[in-house]
Amino acid sequence: MKKDISLTNKPSATCLVCREEIEQFQLLQNQGVPFDTLVHLVFKKDDEILNELKLGNCLMDLFCRNQKKLYFKYLKILGSKMNLKEAIECVSQIEKSSNVFFEQLLKKIAYPFFLLVFAYFMICFFSDFVLVQMKDYISSNSVLILIQVLKVLFGTSILSILLYLGLYYLFFYKYDARLKCPFSLMKKMISLQFVCMYQALEKTYSSTQEVLETLSLMDFSIVGMVSNEILDQLKKGNTLEECFLVIHVFDASFKKMIQYALNGNRISIFFDLYIKKCRFDLETSIKKLSNGIQLFSYISIGILVVVVYQIMMMPMNMLNQF
């Protein structure tokens, strides 16, 4: 009998709600609709949610139960600090700031990267299968050397792009303070994400210490890990300015601006300025990078087409000599 009761009271291993239901629930709140009726209207598992609430479980805990997505991790932390509406709005701001420029970078380089991959496989096929059959007709070794150079060039370019994306993942999801960030563009993305998340919480908290402590709870993100690093520096007796300056993943312009912000006690104003400046710099850098990759892809494919054409015409040229 005891066994049956324990199994009955055991929390469900499935998710009770989805993100869309939570956002819809928040929008329809405070419209004069009774709470039970609103739950029935919005949620598919309405009866199960109401039963859990009657047992004394918290609504936010039910929303985040067994959820694996990043959205719910943020929501669980912020939901314990603010009301549902504020928490959802704050999570939305954090999500927009987190990966918007990286996603923009991916969209910009997707097409030229596809061209590079296509050209690489084409030249591999040509050099390993077609060229082998035509070696007797090729009088100059320079053509063969050029093919190999193009092959190495395409392969190196593809590996460089994949390495950059891999480093981005490493810094944003597997961050370690001992790692050195080699790219200024990546530092700008990290700094912008930190500032946007800081500002999203600044409206709720009265002090920088409280904001950093809340951010430090998000240790599944780079901002959370960096915030922990800043708090550790504060515990060592360093000033807030010194703590920001020792974080090597922050870019130089952010470190310069944070000095003015802290000295004038106008963090919000200077953070607004930094967001505008950084967004402009990032958009310009992403555009230049994507245009550079695209131009390189077009030039490389053009050279490849000319070389392939010349090789294919060699047998015809030999026949014309007789």
C-alpha atoms as a PDB file:
ATOM      1  CA  MET A   1       0.000   0.000   0.000  1.00  0.00           C
ATOM      2  CA  LYS A   2       2.834   2.379   0.859  1.00  0.00           C
ATOM      3  CA  LYS A   3       4.494   1.564  -2.411  1.00  0.00           C
ATOM      4  CA  ASP A   4       1.378   2.543  -4.358  1.00  0.00           C
ATOM      5  CA  ILE A   5       1.135   5.879  -2.536  1.00  0.00           C
ATOM      6  CA  SER A   6       4.788   6.746  -3.212  1.00  0.00           C
ATOM      7  CA  LEU A   7       4.356   5.983  -6.893  1.00  0.00           C
ATOM      8  CA  THR A   8       1.225   8.114  -7.068  1.00  0.00           C
ATOM      9  CA  ASN A   9       2.907  11.122  -5.440  1.00  0.00           C
ATOM     10  CA  LYS A  10       6.037  10.874  -7.573  1.00  0.00           C
ATOM     11  CA  PRO A  11       6.404  13.917  -9.887  1.00  0.00           C
ATOM     12  CA  SER A  12       5.826  13.302 -13.562  1.00  0.00           C
ATOM     13  CA  ALA A  13       8.958  12.758 -15.640  1.00  0.00           C
ATOM     14  CA  THR A  14       7.429  14.603 -18.590  1.00  0.00           C
ATOM     15  CA  CYS A  15       7.267  18.354 -19.253  1.00  0.00           C
ATOM     16  CA  LEU A  16       3.939  19.889 -18.283  1.00  0.00           C
ATOM     17  CA  VAL A  17       4.148  23.002 -20.476  1.00  0.00           C
ATOM     18  CA  CYS A  18       5.890  24.390 -23.547  1.00  0.00           C
ATOM     19  CA  ARG A  19       7.351  27.837 -24.068  1.00  0.00           C
ATOM     20  CA  GLU A  20       4.474  29.070 -26.245  1.00  0.00           C
ATOM     21  CA  GLU A  21       1.949  28.166 -23.533  1.00  0.00           C
ATOM     22  CA  ILE A  22       3.881  30.091 -20.886  1.00  0.00           C
ATOM     23  CA  GLU A  23       4.107  33.212 -23.045  1.00  0.00           C
ATOM     24  CA  GLN A  24       0.412  32.975 -23.910  1.00  0.00           C
ATOM     25  CA  PHE A  25      -0.456  32.538 -20.218  1.00  0.00           C
ATOM     26  CA  GLN A  26       1.539  35.645 -19.323  1.00  0.00           C
ATOM     27  CA  LEU A  27      -0.189  37.703 -22.041  1.00  0.00           C
ATOM     28  CA  LEU A  28      -3.684  36.693 -20.893  1.00  0.00           C
ATOM     29  CA  GLN A  29      -3.064  37.337 -17.200  1.00  0.00           C
ATOM     30  CA  ASN A  30      -4.754  40.280 -15.475  1.00  0.00           C
ATOM     31  CA  GLN A  31      -7.611  40.279 -17.996  1.00  0.00           C
ATOM     32  CA  GLY A  32     -10.306  39.499 -15.434  1.00  0.00           C
ATOM     33  CA  VAL A  33     -10.372  35.771 -16.251  1.00  0.00           C
ATOM     34  CA  PRO A  34     -10.390  33.404 -13.206  1.00  0.00           C
ATOM     35  CA  PHE A  35      -7.068  31.605 -12.734  1.00  0.00           C
ATOM     36  CA  ASP A  36      -8.519  28.078 -13.088  1.00  0.00           C
ATOM     37  CA  THR A  37     -10.344  29.068 -16.286  1.00  0.00           C
ATOM     38  CA  LEU A  38      -7.145  30.591 -17.707  1.00  0.00           C
ATOM     39  CA  VAL A  39      -5.220  27.391 -16.996  1.00  0.00           C
ATOM     40  CA  HIS A  40      -7.907  25.346 -18.780  1.00  0.00           C
ATOM     41  CA  LEU A  41      -7.834  27.703 -21.779  1.00  0.00           C
ATOM     42  CA  VAL A  42      -4.050  27.853 -22.225  1.00  0.00           C
ATOM     43  CA  PHE A  43      -2.466  24.575 -21.139  1.00  0.00           C
ATOM     44  CA  LYS A  44      -2.980  21.148 -22.652  1.00  0.00           C
ATOM     45  CA  LYS A  45      -2.185  19.424 -19.347  1.00  0.00           C
ATOM     46  CA  ASP A  46      -4.515  21.747 -17.420  1.00  0.00           C
ATOM     47  CA  ASP A  47      -5.932  19.194 -14.970  1.00  0.00           C
ATOM     48  CA  GLU A  48      -2.474  17.894 -14.079  1.00  0.00           C
ATOM     49  CA  ILE A  49      -1.208  21.450 -13.434  1.00  0.00           C
ATOM     50  CA  LEU A  50      -4.180  22.311 -11.196  1.00  0.00           C
ATOM     51  CA  ASN A  51      -3.731  19.065  -9.235  1.00  0.00           C
ATOM     52  CA  GLU A  52      -0.038  19.862  -8.693  1.00  0.00           C
ATOM     53  CA  LEU A  53      -0.911  23.367  -7.494  1.00  0.00           C
ATOM     54  CA  LYS A  54      -3.437  21.928  -5.004  1.00  0.00           C
ATOM     55  CA  LEU A  55      -0.634  19.754  -3.613  1.00  0.00           C
ATOM     56  CA  GLY A  56       1.306  22.949  -2.852  1.00  0.00           C
ATOM     57  CA  ASN A  57       3.751  22.999  -5.761  1.00  0.00           C
ATOM     58  CA  CYS A  58       4.893  26.365  -7.118  1.00  0.00           C
ATOM     59  CA  LEU A  59       3.691  27.405 -10.603  1.00  0.00           C
ATOM     60  CA  MET A  60       7.207  28.392 -11.724  1.00  0.00           C
ATOM     61  CA  ASP A  61       8.554  24.997 -10.603  1.00  0.00           C
ATOM     62  CA  LEU A  62       5.857  23.296 -12.681  1.00  0.00           C
ATOM     63  CA  PHE A  63       6.822  25.389 -15.724  1.00  0.00           C
ATOM     64  CA  CYS A  64      10.501  24.422 -15.426  1.00  0.00           C
ATOM     65  CA  ARG A  65      10.095  20.806 -14.338  1.00  0.00           C
ATOM     66  CA  ASN A  66      12.137  18.359 -16.499  1.00  0.00           C
ATOM     67  CA  GLN A  67      12.883  21.126 -19.015  1.00  0.00           C
ATOM     68  CA  LYS A  68      16.258  20.933 -20.757  1.00  0.00           C
ATOM     69  CA  LYS A  69      16.192  24.010 -22.976  1.00  0.00           C
ATOM     70  CA  LEU A  70      18.192  27.133 -22.133  1.00  0.00           C
ATOM     71  CA  TYR A  71      15.031  29.266 -22.015  1.00  0.00           C
ATOM     72  CA  PHE A  72      13.724  27.346 -18.986  1.00  0.00           C
ATOM     73  CA  LYS A  73      17.086  27.453 -17.208  1.00  0.00           C
ATOM     74  CA  TYR A  74      17.018  31.245 -17.376  1.00  0.00           C
ATOM     75  CA  LEU A  75      13.331  31.293 -16.401  1.00  0.00           C
ATOM     76  CA  LYS A  76      13.887  29.118 -13.320  1.00  0.00           C
ATOM     77  CA  ILE A  77      16.596  31.435 -11.984  1.00  0.00           C
ATOM     78  CA  LEU A  78      14.814  34.694 -12.776  1.00  0.00           C
ATOM     79  CA  GLY A  79      11.433  33.344 -11.644  1.00  0.00           C
ATOM     80  CA  SER A  80      12.798  33.028  -8.105  1.00  0.00           C
ATOM     81  CA  LYS A  81      13.851  36.698  -8.153  1.00  0.00           C
ATOM     82  CA  MET A  82      10.916  38.441  -9.889  1.00  0.00           C
ATOM     83  CA  ASN A  83       7.309  37.911 -10.949  1.00  0.00           C
ATOM     84  CA  LEU A  84       6.328  35.823 -13.979  1.00  0.00           C
ATOM     85  CA  LYS A  85       5.813  38.747 -16.367  1.00  0.00           C
ATOM     86  CA  GLU A  86       9.146  40.372 -15.514  1.00  0.00           C
ATOM     87  CA  ALA A  87      10.947  37.011 -15.698  1.00  0.00           C
ATOM     88  CA  ILE A  88       9.568  36.171 -19.166  1.00  0.00           C
ATOM     89  CA  GLU A  89      10.376  39.655 -20.513  1.00  0.00           C
ATOM     90  CA  CYS A  90      13.875  39.455 -19.046  1.00  0.00           C
ATOM     91  CA  VAL A  91      14.512  36.007 -20.567  1.00  0.00           C
ATOM     92  CA  SER A  92      13.337  37.296 -23.962  1.00  0.00           C
ATOM     93  CA  GLN A  93      15.830  40.185 -23.764  1.00  0.00           C
ATOM     94  CA  ILE A  94      18.614  37.814 -22.743  1.00  0.00           C
ATOM     95  CA  GLU A  95      17.867  35.437 -25.626  1.00  0.00           C
ATOM     96  CA  LYS A  96      17.866  38.275 -28.153  1.00  0.00           C
ATOM     97  CA  SER A  97      21.251  39.468 -26.914  1.00  0.00           C
ATOM     98  CA  SER A  98      22.849  36.037 -26.554  1.00  0.00           C
ATOM     99  CA  ASN A  99      23.224  34.703 -30.089  1.00  0.00           C
ATOM    100  CA  VAL A 100      21.749  37.301 -32.434  1.00  0.00           C
ATOM    101  CA  PHE A 101      25.076  38.356 -33.969  1.00  0.00           C
ATOM    102  CA  PHE A 102      26.457  34.834 -34.146  1.00  0.00           C
ATOM    103  CA  GLU A 103      23.287  33.728 -35.946  1.00  0.00           C
ATOM    104  CA  GLN A 104      23.666  36.722 -38.253  1.00  0.00           C
ATOM    105  CA  LEU A 105      27.279  35.691 -38.930  1.00  0.00           C
ATOM    106  CA  LEU A 106      26.188  32.131 -39.737  1.00  0.00           C
ATOM    107  CA  LYS A 107      23.554  33.382 -42.197  1.00  0.00           C
ATOM    108  CA  LYS A 108      26.054  35.685 -43.899  1.00  0.00           C
ATOM    109  CA  ILE A 109      28.786  33.081 -44.366  1.00  0.00           C
ATOM    110  CA  ALA A 110      26.507  30.101 -45.121  1.00  0.00           C
ATOM    111  CA  TYR A 111      26.393  30.667 -48.901  1.00  0.00           C
ATOM    112  CA  PRO A 112      30.134  31.411 -49.446  1.00  0.00           C
ATOM    113  CA  PHE A 113      31.010  28.506 -47.142  1.00  0.00           C
ATOM    114  CA  PHE A 114      28.827  26.212 -49.253  1.00  0.00           C
ATOM    115  CA  LEU A 115      30.684  27.431 -52.363  1.00  0.00           C
ATOM    116  CA  LEU A 116      34.018  26.614 -50.734  1.00  0.00           C
ATOM    117  CA  VAL A 117      32.890  23.124 -49.737  1.00  0.00           C
ATOM    118  CA  PHE A 118      31.475  22.505 -53.217  1.00  0.00           C
ATOM    119  CA  ALA A 119      34.715  23.704 -54.856  1.00  0.00           C
ATOM    120  CA  TYR A 120      36.824  21.539 -52.526  1.00  0.00           C
ATOM    121  CA  PHE A 121      34.913  18.342 -53.302  1.00  0.00           C
ATOM    122  CA  MET A 122      34.912  19.195 -56.995  1.00  0.00           C
ATOM    123  CA  ILE A 123      38.681  19.639 -57.083  1.00  0.00           C
ATOM    124  CA  CYS A 124      39.162  16.451 -55.012  1.00  0.00           C
ATOM    125  CA  PHE A 125      37.046  14.514 -57.515  1.00  0.00           C
ATOM    126  CA  PHE A 126      38.881  16.075 -60.441  1.00  0.00           C
ATOM    127  CA  SER A 127      42.403  15.481 -59.073  1.00  0.00           C
ATOM    128  CA  ASP A 128      41.769  11.937 -57.762  1.00  0.00           C
ATOM    129  CA  PHE A 129      39.731  10.550 -60.680  1.00  0.00           C
ATOM    130  CA  VAL A 130      39.744  12.695 -63.823  1.00  0.00           C
ATOM    131  CA  LEU A 131      43.316  13.933 -63.656  1.00  0.00           C
ATOM    132  CA  VAL A 132      44.662  10.406 -63.154  1.00  0.00           C
ATOM    133  CA  GLN A 133      43.236   9.405 -66.554  1.00  0.00           C
ATOM    134  CA  MET A 134      44.736  12.446 -68.278  1.00  0.00           C
ATOM    135  CA  LYS A 135      48.279  12.436 -66.933  1.00  0.00           C
ATOM    136  CA  ASP A 136      49.690  11.327 -70.288  1.00  0.00           C
ATOM    137  CA  TYR A 137      48.280  14.431 -71.974  1.00  0.00           C
ATOM    138  CA  ILE A 138      49.643  16.920 -69.427  1.00  0.00           C
ATOM    139  CA  SER A 139      53.078  18.122 -70.471  1.00  0.00           C
ATOM    140  CA  SER A 140      53.672  20.628 -67.652  1.00  0.00           C
ATOM    141  CA  ASN A 141      53.960  19.742 -63.978  1.00  0.00           C
ATOM    142  CA  SER A 142      52.989  23.299 -63.055  1.00  0.00           C
ATOM    143  CA  VAL A 143      49.337  22.447 -63.763  1.00  0.00           C
ATOM    144  CA  LEU A 144      49.450  19.520 -61.340  1.00  0.00           C
ATOM    145  CA  ILE A 145      51.147  21.690 -58.711  1.00  0.00           C
ATOM    146  CA  LEU A 146      48.480  24.394 -59.154  1.00  0.00           C
ATOM    147  CA  ILE A 147      45.716  21.823 -58.654  1.00  0.00           C
ATOM    148  CA  GLN A 148      47.327  20.639 -55.421  1.00  0.00           C
ATOM    149  CA  VAL A 149      47.784  24.236 -54.218  1.00  0.00           C
ATOM    150  CA  LEU A 150      44.103  24.958 -54.837  1.00  0.00           C
ATOM    151  CA  LYS A 151      43.168  21.752 -53.030  1.00  0.00           C
ATOM    152  CA  VAL A 152      45.220  22.722 -49.962  1.00  0.00           C
ATOM    153  CA  LEU A 153      43.931  26.315 -50.115  1.00  0.00           C
ATOM    154  CA  PHE A 154      40.274  25.267 -50.162  1.00  0.00           C
ATOM    155  CA  GLY A 155      40.810  22.696 -47.428  1.00  0.00           C
ATOM    156  CA  THR A 156      42.655  25.196 -45.199  1.00  0.00           C
ATOM    157  CA  SER A 157      39.922  27.824 -45.690  1.00  0.00           C
ATOM    158  CA  ILE A 158      37.182  25.365 -44.717  1.00  0.00           C
ATOM    159  CA  LEU A 159      39.123  24.204 -41.653  1.00  0.00           C
ATOM    160  CA  SER A 160      39.771  27.833 -40.601  1.00  0.00           C
ATOM    161  CA  ILE A 161      36.055  28.659 -40.694  1.00  0.00           C
ATOM    162  CA  LEU A 162      35.185  25.474 -38.781  1.00  0.00           C
ATOM    163  CA  LEU A 163      37.933  26.259 -36.253  1.00  0.00           C
ATOM    164  CA  TYR A 164      36.474  29.717 -35.654  1.00  0.00           C
ATOM    165  CA  LEU A 165      32.985  28.292 -35.124  1.00  0.00           C
ATOM    166  CA  GLY A 166      34.442  25.625 -32.840  1.00  0.00           C
ATOM    167  CA  LEU A 167      36.254  28.262 -30.760  1.00  0.00           C
ATOM    168  CA  TYR A 168      33.036  30.241 -30.511  1.00  0.00           C
ATOM    169  CA  TYR A 169      31.277  27.165 -29.095  1.00  0.00           C
ATOM    170  CA  LEU A 170      34.204  26.517 -26.746  1.00  0.00           C
ATOM    171  CA  PHE A 171      34.175  30.037 -25.301  1.00  0.00           C
ATOM    172  CA  PHE A 172      30.415  30.435 -25.068  1.00  0.00           C
ATOM    173  CA  TYR A 173      29.491  26.985 -23.743  1.00  0.00           C
ATOM    174  CA  LYS A 174      32.720  25.500 -22.313  1.00  0.00           C
ATOM    175  CA  TYR A 175      34.323  28.671 -20.987  1.00  0.00           C
ATOM    176  CA  ASP A 176      37.403  28.442 -18.819  1.00  0.00           C
ATOM    177  CA  ALA A 177      39.203  31.471 -17.370  1.00  0.00           C
ATOM    178  CA  ARG A 178      42.534  29.954 -18.444  1.00  0.00           C
ATOM    179  CA  LEU A 179      41.559  30.097 -22.121  1.00  0.00           C
ATOM    180  CA  LYS A 180      42.776  33.079 -24.126  1.00  0.00           C
ATOM    181  CA  CYS A 181      40.290  34.532 -26.615  1.00  0.00           C
ATOM    182  CA  PRO A 182      42.238  35.183 -29.857  1.00  0.00           C
ATOM    183  CA  PHE A 183      39.611  37.041 -31.932  1.00  0.00           C
ATOM    184  CA  SER A 184      38.476  40.640 -31.343  1.00  0.00           C
ATOM    185  CA  LEU A 185      35.125  39.909 -33.024  1.00  0.00           C
ATOM    186  CA  MET A 186      34.458  37.140 -30.512  1.00  0.00           C
ATOM    187  CA  LYS A 187      35.412  39.429 -27.606  1.00  0.00           C
ATOM    188  CA  LYS A 188      32.924  42.013 -28.827  1.00  0.00           C
ATOM    189  CA  MET A 189      30.172  39.357 -28.959  1.00  0.00           C
ATOM    190  CA  ILE A 190      30.948  38.248 -25.390  1.00  0.00           C
ATOM    191  CA  SER A 191      31.101  41.840 -24.095  1.00  0.00           C
ATOM    192  CA  LEU A 192      27.830  42.766 -25.807  1.00  0.00           C
ATOM    193  CA  GLN A 193      26.090  39.694 -24.385  1.00  0.00           C
ATOM    194  CA  PHE A 194      27.297  40.581 -20.886  1.00  0.00           C
ATOM    195  CA  VAL A 195      26.113  44.198 -21.168  1.00  0.00           C
ATOM    196  CA  CYS A 196      22.692  43.231 -22.566  1.00  0.00           C
ATOM    197  CA  MET A 197      22.111  40.650 -19.837  1.00  0.00           C
ATOM    198  CA  TYR A 198      23.311  43.120 -17.194  1.00  0.00           C
ATOM    199  CA  GLN A 199      20.880  45.771 -18.427  1.00  0.00           C
ATOM    200  CA  ALA A 200      18.010  43.279 -18.541  1.00  0.00           C
ATOM    201  CA  LEU A 201      18.466  42.727 -14.784  1.00  0.00           C
ATOM    202  CA  GLU A 202      19.427  46.279 -13.830  1.00  0.00           C
ATOM    203  CA  LYS A 203      15.776  47.401 -13.942  1.00  0.00           C
ATOM    204  CA  THR A 204      14.925  44.910 -11.173  1.00  0.00           C
ATOM    205  CA  TYR A 205      17.954  45.247  -8.880  1.00  0.00           C
ATOM    206  CA  SER A 206      19.281  48.320  -7.115  1.00  0.00           C
ATOM    207  CA  SER A 207      22.988  47.427  -6.985  1.00  0.00           C
ATOM    208  CA  THR A 208      25.677  46.034  -9.272  1.00  0.00           C
ATOM    209  CA  GLN A 209      26.468  43.390  -6.644  1.00  0.00           C
ATOM    210  CA  GLU A 210      22.916  41.982  -6.835  1.00  0.00           C
ATOM    211  CA  VAL A 211      22.989  41.929 -10.645  1.00  0.00           C
ATOM    212  CA  LEU A 212      26.329  40.090 -10.686  1.00  0.00           C
ATOM    213  CA  GLU A 213      25.140  37.589  -8.075  1.00  0.00           C
ATOM    214  CA  THR A 214      22.044  36.779 -10.151  1.00  0.00           C
ATOM    215  CA  LEU A 215      24.096  36.496 -13.334  1.00  0.00           C
ATOM    216  CA  SER A 216      26.534  34.187 -11.536  1.00  0.00           C
ATOM    217  CA  LEU A 217      23.684  31.701 -10.994  1.00  0.00           C
ATOM    218  CA  MET A 218      23.547  31.302 -14.794  1.00  0.00           C
ATOM    219  CA  ASP A 219      26.820  29.363 -14.776  1.00  0.00           C
ATOM    220  CA  PHE A 220      25.678  27.367 -17.825  1.00  0.00           C
ATOM    221  CA  SER A 221      26.446  30.493 -19.921  1.00  0.00           C
ATOM    222  CA  ILE A 222      29.662  32.450 -20.441  1.00  0.00           C
ATOM    223  CA  VAL A 223      28.117  35.532 -18.800  1.00  0.00           C
ATOM    224  CA  GLY A 224      27.393  33.511 -15.663  1.00  0.00           C
ATOM    225  CA  MET A 225      30.946  32.166 -15.540  1.00  0.00           C
ATOM    226  CA  VAL A 226      32.442  35.617 -16.151  1.00  0.00           C
ATOM    227  CA  SER A 227      30.206  37.058 -13.391  1.00  0.00           C
ATOM    228  CA  ASN A 228      31.529  34.401 -11.009  1.00  0.00           C
ATOM    229  CA  GLU A 229      35.050  35.423 -11.984  1.00  0.00           C
ATOM    230  CA  ILE A 230      34.258  39.094 -11.240  1.00  0.00           C
ATOM    231  CA  LEU A 231      32.738  38.191  -7.840  1.00  0.00           C
ATOM    232  CA  ASP A 232      35.837  36.144  -6.997  1.00  0.00           C
ATOM    233  CA  GLN A 233      37.979  39.190  -7.750  1.00  0.00           C
ATOM    234  CA  LEU A 234      35.758  41.336  -5.518  1.00  0.00           C
ATOM    235  CA  LYS A 235      36.214  38.864  -2.653  1.00  0.00           C
ATOM    236  CA  LYS A 236      39.980  39.277  -3.037  1.00  0.00           C
ATOM    237  CA  GLY A 237      39.594  42.978  -2.274  1.00  0.00           C
ATOM    238  CA  ASN A 238      39.853  44.373  -5.799  1.00  0.00           C
ATOM    239  CA  THR A 239      37.749  47.344  -6.828  1.00  0.00           C
ATOM    240  CA  LEU A 240      34.882  46.828  -9.286  1.00  0.00           C
ATOM    241  CA  GLU A 241      36.870  48.605 -12.003  1.00  0.00           C
ATOM    242  CA  GLU A 242      39.884  46.334 -11.460  1.00  0.00           C
ATOM    243  CA  CYS A 243      37.624  43.265 -11.579  1.00  0.00           C
ATOM    244  CA  PHE A 244      36.266  44.207 -15.001  1.00  0.00           C
ATOM    245  CA  LEU A 245      39.711  45.071 -16.383  1.00  0.00           C
ATOM    246  CA  VAL A 246      41.254  41.666 -15.541  1.00  0.00           C
ATOM    247  CA  ILE A 247      38.596  39.749 -17.513  1.00  0.00           C
ATOM    248  CA  HIS A 248      40.505  38.969 -20.729  1.00  0.00           C
ATOM    249  CA  VAL A 249      37.419  38.000 -22.769  1.00  0.00           C
ATOM    250  CA  PHE A 250      36.111  41.595 -22.609  1.00  0.00           C
ATOM    251  CA  ASP A 251      37.173  43.716 -25.583  1.00  0.00           C
ATOM    252  CA  ALA A 252      39.316  46.852 -25.207  1.00  0.00           C
ATOM    253  CA  SER A 253      36.559  49.361 -26.012  1.00  0.00           C
ATOM    254  CA  PHE A 254      34.305  47.853 -23.319  1.00  0.00           C
ATOM    255  CA  LYS A 255      37.095  48.062 -20.729  1.00  0.00           C
ATOM    256  CA  LYS A 256      37.702  51.700 -21.664  1.00  0.00           C
ATOM    257  CA  MET A 257      33.994  52.520 -21.427  1.00  0.00           C
ATOM    258  CA  ILE A 258      33.539  50.729 -18.092  1.00  0.00           C
ATOM    259  CA  GLN A 259      36.183  53.008 -16.569  1.00  0.00           C
ATOM    260  CA  TYR A 260      34.208  56.123 -17.552  1.00  0.00           C
ATOM    261  CA  ALA A 261      30.946  54.469 -16.457  1.00  0.00           C
ATOM    262  CA  LEU A 262      32.191  53.576 -12.960  1.00  0.00           C
ATOM    263  CA  ASN A 263      34.076  56.832 -12.389  1.00  0.00           C
ATOM    264  CA  GLY A 264      30.995  58.882 -13.275  1.00  0.00           C
ATOM    265  CA  ASN A 265      28.583  56.431 -11.629  1.00  0.00           C
ATOM    266  CA  ARG A 266      26.595  56.333 -14.895  1.00  0.00           C
ATOM    267  CA  ILE A 267      26.727  52.656 -15.845  1.00  0.00           C
ATOM    268  CA  SER A 268      23.334  52.614 -17.556  1.00  0.00           C
ATOM    269  CA  ILE A 269      24.148  55.580 -19.834  1.00  0.00           C
ATOM    270  CA  PHE A 270      27.546  54.255 -20.888  1.00  0.00           C
ATOM    271  CA  PHE A 271      26.209  50.724 -21.368  1.00  0.00           C
ATOM    272  CA  ASP A 272      23.582  52.129 -23.744  1.00  0.00           C
ATOM    273  CA  LEU A 273      26.346  53.862 -25.680  1.00  0.00           C
ATOM    274  CA  TYR A 274      28.430  50.698 -25.747  1.00  0.00           C
ATOM    275  CA  ILE A 275      25.520  48.607 -27.066  1.00  0.00           C
ATOM    276  CA  LYS A 276      24.972  51.047 -29.957  1.00  0.00           C
ATOM    277  CA  LYS A 277      28.691  51.260 -30.746  1.00  0.00           C
ATOM    278  CA  CYS A 278      29.277  47.528 -30.451  1.00  0.00           C
ATOM    279  CA  ARG A 279      26.286  46.618 -32.614  1.00  0.00           C
ATOM    280  CA  PHE A 280      27.514  48.964 -35.342  1.00  0.00           C
ATOM    281  CA  ASP A 281      31.059  47.525 -35.109  1.00  0.00           C
ATOM    282  CA  LEU A 282      29.781  43.939 -35.166  1.00  0.00           C
ATOM    283  CA  GLU A 283      27.488  44.508 -38.145  1.00  0.00           C
ATOM    284  CA  THR A 284      30.377  46.151 -40.044  1.00  0.00           C
ATOM    285  CA  SER A 285      32.833  43.359 -39.134  1.00  0.00           C
ATOM    286  CA  ILE A 286      30.364  40.598 -40.033  1.00  0.00           C
ATOM    287  CA  LYS A 287      29.642  42.261 -43.375  1.00  0.00           C
ATOM    288  CA  LYS A 288      33.361  42.599 -44.170  1.00  0.00           C
ATOM    289  CA  LEU A 289      34.075  39.015 -43.116  1.00  0.00           C
ATOM    290  CA  SER A 290      31.203  37.538 -45.154  1.00  0.00           C
ATOM    291  CA  ASN A 291      32.084  39.673 -48.203  1.00  0.00           C
ATOM    292  CA  GLY A 292      35.728  38.597 -47.910  1.00  0.00           C
ATOM    293  CA  ILE A 293      34.823  34.905 -47.760  1.00  0.00           C
ATOM    294  CA  GLN A 294      32.392  35.314 -50.664  1.00  0.00           C
ATOM    295  CA  LEU A 295      34.959  37.155 -52.810  1.00  0.00           C
ATOM    296  CA  PHE A 296      37.593  34.524 -52.043  1.00  0.00           C
ATOM    297  CA  SER A 297      35.113  31.774 -52.975  1.00  0.00           C
ATOM    298  CA  TYR A 298      34.255  33.383 -56.318  1.00  0.00           C
ATOM    299  CA  ILE A 299      37.913  34.009 -57.217  1.00  0.00           C
ATOM    300  CA  SER A 300      38.937  30.492 -56.198  1.00  0.00           C
ATOM    301  CA  ILE A 301      36.124  28.849 -58.177  1.00  0.00           C
ATOM    302  CA  GLY A 302      36.949  31.056 -61.169  1.00  0.00           C
ATOM    303  CA  ILE A 303      40.598  29.936 -61.073  1.00  0.00           C
ATOM    304  CA  LEU A 304      39.493  26.318 -60.708  1.00  0.00           C
ATOM    305  CA  VAL A 305      37.166  26.526 -63.709  1.00  0.00           C
ATOM    306  CA  VAL A 306      39.926  28.069 -65.894  1.00  0.00           C
ATOM    307  CA  VAL A 307      42.456  25.414 -64.851  1.00  0.00           C
ATOM    308  CA  VAL A 308      40.001  22.561 -65.432  1.00  0.00           C
ATOM    309  CA  TYR A 309      39.092  23.966 -68.836  1.00  0.00           C
ATOM    310  CA  GLN A 310      42.758  24.224 -69.852  1.00  0.00           C
ATOM    311  CA  ILE A 311      43.420  20.636 -68.768  1.00  0.00           C
ATOM    312  CA  MET A 312      40.381  19.322 -70.619  1.00  0.00           C
ATOM    313  CA  MET A 313      41.517  21.125 -73.774  1.00  0.00           C
ATOM    314  CA  MET A 314      45.037  19.645 -73.690  1.00  0.00           C
ATOM    315  CA  PRO A 315      44.132  16.441 -75.624  1.00  0.00           C
ATOM    316  CA  MET A 316      42.483  18.587 -78.329  1.00  0.00           C
ATOM    317  CA  ASN A 317      45.573  20.764 -78.585  1.00  0.00           C
ATOM    318  CA  MET A 318      47.757  17.664 -79.008  1.00  0.00           C
ATOM    319  CA  LEU A 319      45.525  16.381 -81.846  1.00  0.00           C
ATOM    320  CA  ASN A 320      45.742  19.735 -83.630  1.00  0.00           C
ATOM    321  CA  GLN A 321      49.554  19.466 -83.666  1.00  0.00           C
ATOM    322  CA  PHE A 322      49.430  16.399 -85.937  1.00  0.00           C
END
